[in-house]
Amino acid sequence: MTNLPPIEDVSIGGEVIRLGQFVKFAGLLDSGGNVKEAIIDGYVLVNGEVDRRRGRQLQLGDIVGFEGRRVRVCP
């Protein structure tokens, strides 16, 4: 059994948000430049898979992972 970190819920106040915006909004990274690099370099996971599209539209329930943290998109 793998030891996955707990999932933190982050409310976005709507139904969709772009990946780059969410990574910053959720506090996974604090600067837009760092967010862009982390996504392009493949360090950000969406639902367990690498996604290098900063503009990807996340939906409610999607889980974003970065450096041992996992956060879920909530309304």
PDB file of N, CA and C in Angstrom:
ATOM      1  N   MET A   1       0.848  -1.189   0.000  1.00  0.00           N
ATOM      2  CA  MET A   1       0.000   0.000   0.000  1.00  0.00           C
ATOM      3  C   MET A   1       0.889   1.246   0.000  1.00  0.00           C
ATOM      4  N   THR A   2       0.563   2.197  -0.870  1.00  0.00           N
ATOM      5  CA  THR A   2       1.364   3.414  -0.944  1.00  0.00           C
ATOM      6  C   THR A   2       0.883   4.424   0.088  1.00  0.00           C
ATOM      7  N   ASN A   3       1.796   5.241   0.534  1.00  0.00           N
ATOM      8  CA  ASN A   3       1.485   6.293   1.495  1.00  0.00           C
ATOM      9  C   ASN A   3       1.261   7.598   0.760  1.00  0.00           C
ATOM     10  N   LEU A   4       0.034   7.859   0.364  1.00  0.00           N
ATOM     11  CA  LEU A   4      -0.287   9.106  -0.318  1.00  0.00           C
ATOM     12  C   LEU A   4      -0.606  10.175   0.722  1.00  0.00           C
ATOM     13  N   PRO A   5      -0.198  11.413   0.454  1.00  0.00           N
ATOM     14  CA  PRO A   5      -0.526  12.491   1.393  1.00  0.00           C
ATOM     15  C   PRO A   5      -2.032  12.749   1.387  1.00  0.00           C
ATOM     16  N   PRO A   6      -2.561  13.294   2.479  1.00  0.00           N
ATOM     17  CA  PRO A   6      -3.991  13.608   2.515  1.00  0.00           C
ATOM     18  C   PRO A   6      -4.338  14.656   1.461  1.00  0.00           C
ATOM     19  N   ILE A   7      -5.583  14.656   1.071  1.00  0.00           N
ATOM     20  CA  ILE A   7      -6.055  15.617   0.069  1.00  0.00           C
ATOM     21  C   ILE A   7      -6.658  16.821   0.786  1.00  0.00           C
ATOM     22  N   GLU A   8      -6.189  18.006   0.405  1.00  0.00           N
ATOM     23  CA  GLU A   8      -6.736  19.253   0.952  1.00  0.00           C
ATOM     24  C   GLU A   8      -7.781  19.777  -0.038  1.00  0.00           C
ATOM     25  N   ASP A   9      -8.933  20.202   0.457  1.00  0.00           N
ATOM     26  CA  ASP A   9      -9.959  20.800  -0.391  1.00  0.00           C
ATOM     27  C   ASP A   9      -9.723  22.300  -0.498  1.00  0.00           C
ATOM     28  N   VAL A  10      -9.765  22.816  -1.726  1.00  0.00           N
ATOM     29  CA  VAL A  10      -9.599  24.257  -1.964  1.00  0.00           C
ATOM     30  C   VAL A  10     -10.807  24.744  -2.766  1.00  0.00           C
ATOM     31  N   SER A  11     -11.563  25.645  -2.170  1.00  0.00           N
ATOM     32  CA  SER A  11     -12.754  26.185  -2.822  1.00  0.00           C
ATOM     33  C   SER A  11     -12.369  27.288  -3.804  1.00  0.00           C
ATOM     34  N   ILE A  12     -12.852  27.155  -5.051  1.00  0.00           N
ATOM     35  CA  ILE A  12     -12.526  28.150  -6.076  1.00  0.00           C
ATOM     36  C   ILE A  12     -13.663  29.134  -6.306  1.00  0.00           C
ATOM     37  N   GLY A  13     -14.816  28.918  -5.666  1.00  0.00           N
ATOM     38  CA  GLY A  13     -15.936  29.839  -5.796  1.00  0.00           C
ATOM     39  C   GLY A  13     -16.606  29.792  -7.154  1.00  0.00           C
ATOM     40  N   GLY A  14     -16.412  28.712  -7.880  1.00  0.00           N
ATOM     41  CA  GLY A  14     -17.032  28.553  -9.196  1.00  0.00           C
ATOM     42  C   GLY A  14     -16.919  27.105  -9.623  1.00  0.00           C
ATOM     43  N   GLU A  15     -16.972  26.881 -10.931  1.00  0.00           N
ATOM     44  CA  GLU A  15     -16.946  25.498 -11.412  1.00  0.00           C
ATOM     45  C   GLU A  15     -15.689  25.129 -12.179  1.00  0.00           C
ATOM     46  N   VAL A  16     -14.997  26.104 -12.763  1.00  0.00           N
ATOM     47  CA  VAL A  16     -13.773  25.795 -13.507  1.00  0.00           C
ATOM     48  C   VAL A  16     -12.688  26.819 -13.191  1.00  0.00           C
ATOM     49  N   ILE A  17     -11.453  26.385 -13.329  1.00  0.00           N
ATOM     50  CA  ILE A  17     -10.295  27.260 -13.131  1.00  0.00           C
ATOM     51  C   ILE A  17      -9.159  26.655 -13.942  1.00  0.00           C
ATOM     52  N   ARG A  18      -8.265  27.478 -14.428  1.00  0.00           N
ATOM     53  CA  ARG A  18      -7.123  26.969 -15.189  1.00  0.00           C
ATOM     54  C   ARG A  18      -6.055  26.430 -14.232  1.00  0.00           C
ATOM     55  N   LEU A  19      -5.309  25.443 -14.705  1.00  0.00           N
ATOM     56  CA  LEU A  19      -4.308  24.772 -13.882  1.00  0.00           C
ATOM     57  C   LEU A  19      -3.315  25.758 -13.278  1.00  0.00           C
ATOM     58  N   GLY A  20      -2.758  26.646 -14.096  1.00  0.00           N
ATOM     59  CA  GLY A  20      -1.780  27.607 -13.591  1.00  0.00           C
ATOM     60  C   GLY A  20      -2.352  28.495 -12.502  1.00  0.00           C
ATOM     61  N   GLN A  21      -3.582  28.937 -12.701  1.00  0.00           N
ATOM     62  CA  GLN A  21      -4.239  29.788 -11.705  1.00  0.00           C
ATOM     63  C   GLN A  21      -4.452  29.017 -10.406  1.00  0.00           C
ATOM     64  N   PHE A  22      -4.866  27.759 -10.534  1.00  0.00           N
ATOM     65  CA  PHE A  22      -5.183  26.964  -9.349  1.00  0.00           C
ATOM     66  C   PHE A  22      -3.938  26.651  -8.521  1.00  0.00           C
ATOM     67  N   VAL A  23      -2.835  26.337  -9.189  1.00  0.00           N
ATOM     68  CA  VAL A  23      -1.597  26.030  -8.460  1.00  0.00           C
ATOM     69  C   VAL A  23      -1.203  27.219  -7.587  1.00  0.00           C
ATOM     70  N   LYS A  24      -1.322  28.408  -8.122  1.00  0.00           N
ATOM     71  CA  LYS A  24      -0.990  29.616  -7.350  1.00  0.00           C
ATOM     72  C   LYS A  24      -2.060  29.894  -6.292  1.00  0.00           C
ATOM     73  N   PHE A  25      -3.322  29.794  -6.664  1.00  0.00           N
ATOM     74  CA  PHE A  25      -4.445  30.067  -5.764  1.00  0.00           C
ATOM     75  C   PHE A  25      -4.423  29.135  -4.547  1.00  0.00           C
ATOM     76  N   ALA A  26      -4.074  27.869  -4.786  1.00  0.00           N
ATOM     77  CA  ALA A  26      -4.054  26.867  -3.712  1.00  0.00           C
ATOM     78  C   ALA A  26      -2.812  26.991  -2.836  1.00  0.00           C
ATOM     79  N   GLY A  27      -1.879  27.857  -3.218  1.00  0.00           N
ATOM     80  CA  GLY A  27      -0.691  28.075  -2.421  1.00  0.00           C
ATOM     81  C   GLY A  27       0.395  27.026  -2.621  1.00  0.00           C
ATOM     82  N   LEU A  28       0.307  26.259  -3.716  1.00  0.00           N
ATOM     83  CA  LEU A  28       1.348  25.270  -3.990  1.00  0.00           C
ATOM     84  C   LEU A  28       2.639  25.962  -4.404  1.00  0.00           C
ATOM     85  N   LEU A  29       2.515  27.070  -5.108  1.00  0.00           N
ATOM     86  CA  LEU A  29       3.643  27.937  -5.476  1.00  0.00           C
ATOM     87  C   LEU A  29       3.161  29.376  -5.357  1.00  0.00           C
ATOM     88  N   ASP A  30       4.085  30.301  -5.146  1.00  0.00           N
ATOM     89  CA  ASP A  30       3.630  31.669  -4.914  1.00  0.00           C
ATOM     90  C   ASP A  30       3.905  32.657  -6.036  1.00  0.00           C
ATOM     91  N   SER A  31       4.630  32.238  -7.078  1.00  0.00           N
ATOM     92  CA  SER A  31       4.841  33.186  -8.176  1.00  0.00           C
ATOM     93  C   SER A  31       4.442  32.556  -9.503  1.00  0.00           C
ATOM     94  N   GLY A  32       3.923  33.392 -10.379  1.00  0.00           N
ATOM     95  CA  GLY A  32       3.491  32.920 -11.685  1.00  0.00           C
ATOM     96  C   GLY A  32       4.612  32.284 -12.488  1.00  0.00           C
ATOM     97  N   GLY A  33       5.824  32.847 -12.372  1.00  0.00           N
ATOM     98  CA  GLY A  33       6.972  32.286 -13.083  1.00  0.00           C
ATOM     99  C   GLY A  33       7.305  30.887 -12.606  1.00  0.00           C
ATOM    100  N   ASN A  34       7.263  30.690 -11.284  1.00  0.00           N
ATOM    101  CA  ASN A  34       7.534  29.362 -10.732  1.00  0.00           C
ATOM    102  C   ASN A  34       6.458  28.365 -11.128  1.00  0.00           C
ATOM    103  N   VAL A  35       5.211  28.825 -11.168  1.00  0.00           N
ATOM    104  CA  VAL A  35       4.103  27.962 -11.587  1.00  0.00           C
ATOM    105  C   VAL A  35       4.324  27.503 -13.019  1.00  0.00           C
ATOM    106  N   LYS A  36       4.629  28.444 -13.890  1.00  0.00           N
ATOM    107  CA  LYS A  36       4.849  28.117 -15.307  1.00  0.00           C
ATOM    108  C   LYS A  36       5.960  27.082 -15.465  1.00  0.00           C
ATOM    109  N   GLU A  37       7.093  27.307 -14.798  1.00  0.00           N
ATOM    110  CA  GLU A  37       8.224  26.376 -14.902  1.00  0.00           C
ATOM    111  C   GLU A  37       7.873  24.997 -14.368  1.00  0.00           C
ATOM    112  N   ALA A  38       7.215  24.937 -13.213  1.00  0.00           N
ATOM    113  CA  ALA A  38       6.875  23.647 -12.598  1.00  0.00           C
ATOM    114  C   ALA A  38       5.949  22.841 -13.502  1.00  0.00           C
ATOM    115  N   ILE A  39       4.985  23.510 -14.128  1.00  0.00           N
ATOM    116  CA  ILE A  39       4.045  22.815 -15.014  1.00  0.00           C
ATOM    117  C   ILE A  39       4.761  22.348 -16.275  1.00  0.00           C
ATOM    118  N   ILE A  40       5.512  23.231 -16.916  1.00  0.00           N
ATOM    119  CA  ILE A  40       6.218  22.874 -18.153  1.00  0.00           C
ATOM    120  C   ILE A  40       7.229  21.755 -17.913  1.00  0.00           C
ATOM    121  N   ASP A  41       7.900  21.780 -16.754  1.00  0.00           N
ATOM    122  CA  ASP A  41       8.911  20.770 -16.439  1.00  0.00           C
ATOM    123  C   ASP A  41       8.311  19.436 -15.989  1.00  0.00           C
ATOM    124  N   GLY A  42       6.975  19.369 -15.866  1.00  0.00           N
ATOM    125  CA  GLY A  42       6.318  18.103 -15.537  1.00  0.00           C
ATOM    126  C   GLY A  42       6.261  17.755 -14.068  1.00  0.00           C
ATOM    127  N   TYR A  43       6.390  18.755 -13.193  1.00  0.00           N
ATOM    128  CA  TYR A  43       6.355  18.492 -11.754  1.00  0.00           C
ATOM    129  C   TYR A  43       4.944  18.532 -11.161  1.00  0.00           C
ATOM    130  N   VAL A  44       3.967  18.979 -11.950  1.00  0.00           N
ATOM    131  CA  VAL A  44       2.597  19.101 -11.458  1.00  0.00           C
ATOM    132  C   VAL A  44       1.760  17.955 -12.026  1.00  0.00           C
ATOM    133  N   LEU A  45       1.036  17.286 -11.142  1.00  0.00           N
ATOM    134  CA  LEU A  45       0.166  16.180 -11.552  1.00  0.00           C
ATOM    135  C   LEU A  45      -1.294  16.620 -11.475  1.00  0.00           C
ATOM    136  N   VAL A  46      -2.084  16.140 -12.430  1.00  0.00           N
ATOM    137  CA  VAL A  46      -3.525  16.337 -12.395  1.00  0.00           C
ATOM    138  C   VAL A  46      -4.146  14.947 -12.424  1.00  0.00           C
ATOM    139  N   ASN A  47      -4.870  14.623 -11.376  1.00  0.00           N
ATOM    140  CA  ASN A  47      -5.481  13.297 -11.234  1.00  0.00           C
ATOM    141  C   ASN A  47      -4.444  12.194 -11.419  1.00  0.00           C
ATOM    142  N   GLY A  48      -3.254  12.413 -10.868  1.00  0.00           N
ATOM    143  CA  GLY A  48      -2.208  11.402 -10.875  1.00  0.00           C
ATOM    144  C   GLY A  48      -1.342  11.339 -12.114  1.00  0.00           C
ATOM    145  N   GLU A  49      -1.579  12.214 -13.088  1.00  0.00           N
ATOM    146  CA  GLU A  49      -0.808  12.203 -14.331  1.00  0.00           C
ATOM    147  C   GLU A  49      -0.194  13.572 -14.598  1.00  0.00           C
ATOM    148  N   VAL A  50       1.000  13.583 -15.185  1.00  0.00           N
ATOM    149  CA  VAL A  50       1.656  14.839 -15.556  1.00  0.00           C
ATOM    150  C   VAL A  50       0.818  15.549 -16.613  1.00  0.00           C
ATOM    151  N   ASP A  51       0.619  16.841 -16.434  1.00  0.00           N
ATOM    152  CA  ASP A  51      -0.066  17.659 -17.446  1.00  0.00           C
ATOM    153  C   ASP A  51       0.722  18.947 -17.586  1.00  0.00           C
ATOM    154  N   ARG A  52       1.265  19.178 -18.767  1.00  0.00           N
ATOM    155  CA  ARG A  52       2.123  20.346 -19.001  1.00  0.00           C
ATOM    156  C   ARG A  52       1.363  21.535 -19.599  1.00  0.00           C
ATOM    157  N   ARG A  53       0.039  21.500 -19.556  1.00  0.00           N
ATOM    158  CA  ARG A  53      -0.771  22.586 -20.111  1.00  0.00           C
ATOM    159  C   ARG A  53      -1.222  23.520 -18.991  1.00  0.00           C
ATOM    160  N   ARG A  54      -0.552  24.656 -18.898  1.00  0.00           N
ATOM    161  CA  ARG A  54      -0.873  25.639 -17.855  1.00  0.00           C
ATOM    162  C   ARG A  54      -2.320  26.119 -17.966  1.00  0.00           C
ATOM    163  N   GLY A  55      -2.840  26.156 -19.195  1.00  0.00           N
ATOM    164  CA  GLY A  55      -4.197  26.638 -19.418  1.00  0.00           C
ATOM    165  C   GLY A  55      -5.269  25.564 -19.338  1.00  0.00           C
ATOM    166  N   ARG A  56      -4.889  24.351 -18.940  1.00  0.00           N
ATOM    167  CA  ARG A  56      -5.876  23.270 -18.835  1.00  0.00           C
ATOM    168  C   ARG A  56      -7.001  23.682 -17.895  1.00  0.00           C
ATOM    169  N   GLN A  57      -8.225  23.443 -18.326  1.00  0.00           N
ATOM    170  CA  GLN A  57      -9.390  23.750 -17.496  1.00  0.00           C
ATOM    171  C   GLN A  57      -9.594  22.625 -16.490  1.00  0.00           C
ATOM    172  N   LEU A  58      -9.483  22.945 -15.217  1.00  0.00           N
ATOM    173  CA  LEU A  58      -9.770  21.969 -14.174  1.00  0.00           C
ATOM    174  C   LEU A  58     -11.258  21.991 -13.870  1.00  0.00           C
ATOM    175  N   GLN A  59     -11.780  20.849 -13.507  1.00  0.00           N
ATOM    176  CA  GLN A  59     -13.186  20.716 -13.148  1.00  0.00           C
ATOM    177  C   GLN A  59     -13.289  20.425 -11.658  1.00  0.00           C
ATOM    178  N   LEU A  60     -14.460  20.605 -11.087  1.00  0.00           N
ATOM    179  CA  LEU A  60     -14.676  20.281  -9.687  1.00  0.00           C
ATOM    180  C   LEU A  60     -14.325  18.814  -9.457  1.00  0.00           C
ATOM    181  N   GLY A  61     -13.593  18.544  -8.399  1.00  0.00           N
ATOM    182  CA  GLY A  61     -13.201  17.183  -8.069  1.00  0.00           C
ATOM    183  C   GLY A  61     -11.829  16.781  -8.571  1.00  0.00           C
ATOM    184  N   ASP A  62     -11.256  17.554  -9.513  1.00  0.00           N
ATOM    185  CA  ASP A  62      -9.899  17.255  -9.982  1.00  0.00           C
ATOM    186  C   ASP A  62      -8.923  17.404  -8.823  1.00  0.00           C
ATOM    187  N   ILE A  63      -7.890  16.553  -8.819  1.00  0.00           N
ATOM    188  CA  ILE A  63      -6.874  16.603  -7.763  1.00  0.00           C
ATOM    189  C   ILE A  63      -5.536  16.976  -8.385  1.00  0.00           C
ATOM    190  N   VAL A  64      -4.933  18.026  -7.858  1.00  0.00           N
ATOM    191  CA  VAL A  64      -3.650  18.521  -8.343  1.00  0.00           C
ATOM    192  C   VAL A  64      -2.584  18.199  -7.301  1.00  0.00           C
ATOM    193  N   GLY A  65      -1.474  17.632  -7.768  1.00  0.00           N
ATOM    194  CA  GLY A  65      -0.392  17.273  -6.869  1.00  0.00           C
ATOM    195  C   GLY A  65       0.887  17.994  -7.220  1.00  0.00           C
ATOM    196  N   PHE A  66       1.632  18.377  -6.179  1.00  0.00           N
ATOM    197  CA  PHE A  66       2.933  19.023  -6.364  1.00  0.00           C
ATOM    198  C   PHE A  66       3.745  18.866  -5.088  1.00  0.00           C
ATOM    199  N   GLU A  67       4.956  18.337  -5.218  1.00  0.00           N
ATOM    200  CA  GLU A  67       5.901  18.187  -4.105  1.00  0.00           C
ATOM    201  C   GLU A  67       5.263  17.623  -2.838  1.00  0.00           C
ATOM    202  N   GLY A  68       4.578  16.512  -2.975  1.00  0.00           N
ATOM    203  CA  GLY A  68       4.027  15.833  -1.810  1.00  0.00           C
ATOM    204  C   GLY A  68       2.714  16.366  -1.288  1.00  0.00           C
ATOM    205  N   ARG A  69       2.168  17.400  -1.918  1.00  0.00           N
ATOM    206  CA  ARG A  69       0.855  17.910  -1.523  1.00  0.00           C
ATOM    207  C   ARG A  69      -0.160  17.558  -2.596  1.00  0.00           C
ATOM    208  N   ARG A  70      -1.384  17.304  -2.157  1.00  0.00           N
ATOM    209  CA  ARG A  70      -2.492  17.064  -3.084  1.00  0.00           C
ATOM    210  C   ARG A  70      -3.658  17.940  -2.689  1.00  0.00           C
ATOM    211  N   VAL A  71      -4.185  18.663  -3.670  1.00  0.00           N
ATOM    212  CA  VAL A  71      -5.323  19.541  -3.419  1.00  0.00           C
ATOM    213  C   VAL A  71      -6.425  19.265  -4.420  1.00  0.00           C
ATOM    214  N   ARG A  72      -7.670  19.303  -3.913  1.00  0.00           N
ATOM    215  CA  ARG A  72      -8.836  19.009  -4.748  1.00  0.00           C
ATOM    216  C   ARG A  72      -9.600  20.293  -5.049  1.00  0.00           C
ATOM    217  N   VAL A  73     -10.012  20.441  -6.285  1.00  0.00           N
ATOM    218  CA  VAL A  73     -10.812  21.594  -6.719  1.00  0.00           C
ATOM    219  C   VAL A  73     -12.230  21.422  -6.181  1.00  0.00           C
ATOM    220  N   CYS A  74     -12.682  22.370  -5.373  1.00  0.00           N
ATOM    221  CA  CYS A  74     -14.030  22.329  -4.782  1.00  0.00           C
ATOM    222  C   CYS A  74     -14.756  23.626  -5.113  1.00  0.00           C
ATOM    223  N   PRO A  75     -16.094  23.556  -5.108  1.00  0.00           N
ATOM    224  CA  PRO A  75     -16.881  24.767  -5.427  1.00  0.00           C
ATOM    225  C   PRO A  75     -16.760  25.848  -4.366  1.00  0.00           C
TER     226      PRO A  75
END
